[in-house]
Amino acid sequence: MPWDNFVPYQQDIAKALRDLQDEVFAKREYRPLGETDVDYLDQAEFFDPATPEAEREELLTLFGPLREPLRRMGPVALRDWLIAIGKSRYPETREEFYARHCLTSSGTGTALDMVGLSAERMPGYVAPLASADLVRHFGTDRPTRAQVEAHLAGSGDLYDDILEDIGGYGGVYIVLYDGSGAPSELFFAGYSPY
């Protein structure tokens, strides 16, 4: 599922992405999360207090957002908490959101599905669109918002390029410039899992 957003320019791109995610979360402008599935963790005995920490730690590489709640609550209470928060359409806190998000098979169709920034395009991350790609799509490495909007209204092949390089899940950002050549906005675009 493709998504995109224009946001005011700021030099700290990671902060701009976090601010966008905060806004999307606060306004609940995202597709509700799917059902929270704890079955896999049950089968792996993740919630069993007798499970060795090393085995639990191995699973936390896949389910990182559960690390802090696990430390605070312990395995049994964590399971109960996940089931309780899995009943609402929209989580109340970002901690609840990401705990549920890592246990669902679908995304939100927004920047909330992105882990953060990366220097290179890779699944789950937002990376800068390469200068050569900017020139290919917009005829310049300093595009304006009008150029991006016109491109998206036309061929829209920017999304095809994003999808090709990231295996269907990830995004890019583009610094947009005003008529004087100064940075004015950031454009974030990507794909979320269905």
Protein backbone atom coordinates (compact mmCIF):
# COMPACT_ATOMS: atom_id res chain seq x y z
CA MET A 1 0.00 0.00 0.00
CA PRO A 2 1.63 3.27 -1.10
CA TRP A 3 1.70 6.34 1.13
CA ASP A 4 3.23 9.81 0.92
CA ASN A 5 3.44 13.05 2.89
CA PHE A 6 4.78 16.55 2.40
CA VAL A 7 6.15 18.12 5.60
CA PRO A 8 7.94 21.40 6.36
CA TYR A 9 11.68 21.23 5.81
CA GLN A 10 14.00 20.71 8.74
CA GLN A 11 17.64 19.82 8.62
CA ASP A 12 17.24 16.86 10.97
CA ILE A 13 15.53 14.37 8.62
CA ALA A 14 15.18 11.71 11.34
CA LYS A 15 13.34 14.21 13.54
CA ALA A 16 11.13 15.21 10.61
CA LEU A 17 10.18 11.55 10.15
CA ARG A 18 9.49 11.11 13.89
CA ASP A 19 7.40 14.30 13.88
CA LEU A 20 5.40 12.98 10.92
CA GLN A 21 4.88 9.66 12.69
CA ASP A 22 3.79 11.48 15.87
CA GLU A 23 1.27 13.52 13.90
CA VAL A 24 -0.14 10.50 12.05
CA PHE A 25 -0.43 8.61 15.34
CA ALA A 26 -2.01 11.49 17.28
CA LYS A 27 -4.60 12.17 14.56
CA ARG A 28 -5.22 8.43 14.07
CA GLU A 29 -4.74 8.90 10.34
CA TYR A 30 -3.75 5.31 9.77
CA ARG A 31 -5.39 2.01 8.98
CA PRO A 32 -6.14 0.26 12.29
CA LEU A 33 -3.77 -2.52 13.20
CA GLY A 34 -4.77 -6.10 12.56
CA GLU A 35 -5.38 -8.59 15.29
CA THR A 36 -2.49 -9.01 17.71
CA ASP A 37 -1.17 -12.54 17.28
CA VAL A 38 0.64 -13.96 20.31
CA ASP A 39 0.38 -17.57 19.08
CA TYR A 40 3.89 -17.61 17.63
CA LEU A 41 5.36 -16.38 20.90
CA ASP A 42 3.24 -18.88 22.82
CA GLN A 43 4.57 -21.71 20.66
CA ALA A 44 8.12 -20.49 21.20
CA GLU A 45 7.42 -20.45 24.98
CA PHE A 46 8.40 -16.77 25.06
CA PHE A 47 6.00 -16.05 27.93
CA ASP A 48 7.01 -19.08 30.01
CA PRO A 49 9.01 -17.80 33.00
CA ALA A 50 11.21 -20.92 32.73
CA THR A 51 12.34 -20.06 29.18
CA PRO A 52 16.06 -19.23 29.22
CA GLU A 53 16.85 -15.54 28.69
CA ALA A 54 19.09 -16.42 25.73
CA GLU A 55 16.13 -17.95 23.86
CA ARG A 56 13.92 -14.99 24.69
CA GLU A 57 16.67 -12.59 23.60
CA GLU A 58 16.89 -14.35 20.23
CA LEU A 59 13.18 -13.70 19.64
CA LEU A 60 13.57 -10.08 20.71
CA THR A 61 15.74 -9.48 17.65
CA LEU A 62 12.50 -9.93 15.67
CA PHE A 63 10.16 -8.37 18.21
CA GLY A 64 12.28 -5.50 19.53
CA PRO A 65 9.37 -3.31 20.66
CA LEU A 66 8.57 -5.96 23.29
CA ARG A 67 11.97 -5.58 24.99
CA GLU A 68 11.11 -2.70 27.34
CA PRO A 69 7.62 -3.94 28.30
CA LEU A 70 9.12 -7.39 28.98
CA ARG A 71 11.78 -5.88 31.24
CA ARG A 72 9.19 -3.86 33.12
CA MET A 73 6.38 -6.43 33.37
CA GLY A 74 7.90 -9.85 33.08
CA PRO A 75 6.78 -12.52 30.59
CA VAL A 76 3.41 -13.52 32.08
CA ALA A 77 2.15 -9.96 32.58
CA LEU A 78 3.46 -9.03 29.12
CA ARG A 79 1.26 -11.69 27.51
CA ASP A 80 -1.82 -10.46 29.41
CA TRP A 81 -1.02 -6.84 28.44
CA LEU A 82 -0.65 -7.74 24.75
CA ILE A 83 -4.00 -9.50 24.75
CA ALA A 84 -5.67 -6.57 26.54
CA ILE A 85 -4.28 -3.89 24.21
CA GLY A 86 -5.03 -6.05 21.18
CA LYS A 87 -8.74 -5.46 21.64
CA SER A 88 -8.81 -1.75 20.77
CA ARG A 89 -8.87 -0.40 17.21
CA TYR A 90 -6.32 2.30 18.04
CA PRO A 91 -3.64 1.90 20.71
CA GLU A 92 -3.47 4.67 23.31
CA THR A 93 0.33 5.05 23.40
CA ARG A 94 3.21 4.63 20.97
CA GLU A 95 4.56 1.80 23.14
CA GLU A 96 1.25 -0.05 22.77
CA PHE A 97 1.20 0.72 19.06
CA TYR A 98 4.67 -0.69 18.35
CA ALA A 99 4.15 -3.71 20.61
CA ARG A 100 1.03 -4.55 18.61
CA HIS A 101 2.55 -3.55 15.29
CA CYS A 102 5.37 -6.10 15.61
CA LEU A 103 2.79 -8.85 16.17
CA THR A 104 0.53 -8.12 13.21
CA SER A 105 0.99 -9.16 9.62
CA SER A 106 -0.36 -5.95 8.11
CA GLY A 107 0.82 -2.37 8.19
CA THR A 108 -0.97 0.91 8.69
CA GLY A 109 -0.40 2.30 5.19
CA THR A 110 1.54 5.25 6.62
CA ALA A 111 4.97 6.41 7.73
CA LEU A 112 4.24 4.71 11.07
CA ASP A 113 5.29 1.44 9.43
CA MET A 114 8.83 2.72 8.96
CA VAL A 115 11.51 1.83 11.52
CA GLY A 116 13.63 4.92 10.85
CA LEU A 117 16.19 6.31 8.43
CA SER A 118 18.88 4.46 6.52
CA ALA A 119 21.62 5.69 4.19
CA GLU A 120 20.56 3.05 1.64
CA ARG A 121 17.15 1.77 0.62
CA MET A 122 16.17 -1.32 2.55
CA PRO A 123 12.96 -2.91 3.80
CA GLY A 124 11.29 -1.01 6.62
CA TYR A 125 13.44 2.11 6.38
CA VAL A 126 13.30 5.51 4.69
CA ALA A 127 16.38 6.50 2.67
CA PRO A 128 17.24 9.49 0.51
CA LEU A 129 16.35 9.17 -3.16
CA ALA A 130 19.68 9.11 -5.00
CA SER A 131 20.72 12.17 -6.99
CA ALA A 132 20.71 10.19 -10.25
CA ASP A 133 17.13 9.06 -9.56
CA LEU A 134 16.07 12.63 -8.80
CA VAL A 135 17.47 13.77 -12.15
CA ARG A 136 15.82 10.85 -13.96
CA HIS A 137 12.41 11.54 -12.43
CA PHE A 138 12.41 15.34 -12.20
CA GLY A 139 15.17 16.59 -14.50
CA THR A 140 17.03 18.08 -11.54
CA ASP A 141 18.55 17.01 -8.24
CA ARG A 142 16.72 19.94 -6.57
CA PRO A 143 13.02 19.35 -7.36
CA THR A 144 10.16 21.55 -6.26
CA ARG A 145 6.88 20.40 -4.78
CA ALA A 146 5.16 21.25 -8.07
CA GLN A 147 7.54 18.93 -9.95
CA VAL A 148 6.89 16.05 -7.54
CA GLU A 149 3.12 16.58 -7.68
CA ALA A 150 3.19 16.72 -11.49
CA HIS A 151 5.28 13.55 -11.63
CA LEU A 152 2.92 11.70 -9.29
CA ALA A 153 -0.11 12.87 -11.28
CA GLY A 154 1.56 11.65 -14.48
CA SER A 155 3.51 8.41 -14.67
CA GLY A 156 4.02 7.94 -10.95
CA ASP A 157 6.88 5.54 -11.70
CA LEU A 158 8.64 6.83 -8.57
CA TYR A 159 6.60 4.25 -6.64
CA ASP A 160 7.67 1.49 -9.02
CA ASP A 161 11.32 2.37 -8.35
CA ILE A 162 10.76 2.43 -4.60
CA LEU A 163 9.02 -0.93 -4.68
CA GLU A 164 11.71 -2.48 -6.86
CA ASP A 165 14.58 -1.57 -4.55
CA ILE A 166 12.99 -2.37 -1.21
CA GLY A 167 11.09 -5.54 -1.81
CA GLY A 168 7.70 -3.94 -1.28
CA TYR A 169 8.21 -2.40 2.17
CA GLY A 170 10.13 0.83 2.82
CA GLY A 171 10.43 4.38 1.63
CA VAL A 172 12.39 7.36 0.41
CA TYR A 173 12.60 11.02 1.18
CA ILE A 174 13.28 13.97 -1.10
CA VAL A 175 14.35 17.46 -0.08
CA LEU A 176 12.16 19.92 -2.01
CA TYR A 177 13.25 23.42 -2.95
CA ASP A 178 11.41 26.70 -3.41
CA GLY A 179 11.81 29.14 -6.30
CA SER A 180 14.87 30.75 -4.71
CA GLY A 181 16.67 27.39 -4.47
CA ALA A 182 16.34 27.08 -0.69
CA PRO A 183 15.07 23.86 0.95
CA SER A 184 11.38 24.31 1.73
CA GLU A 185 9.80 20.90 2.32
CA LEU A 186 10.48 17.21 2.67
CA PHE A 187 8.57 14.58 0.72
CA PHE A 188 8.32 11.14 2.30
CA ALA A 189 6.93 8.28 0.24
CA GLY A 190 6.87 4.55 0.60
CA TYR A 191 5.11 1.23 0.72
CA SER A 192 3.62 -0.50 3.72
CA PRO A 193 2.75 -4.17 4.06
CA TYR A 194 -0.91 -4.99 3.46
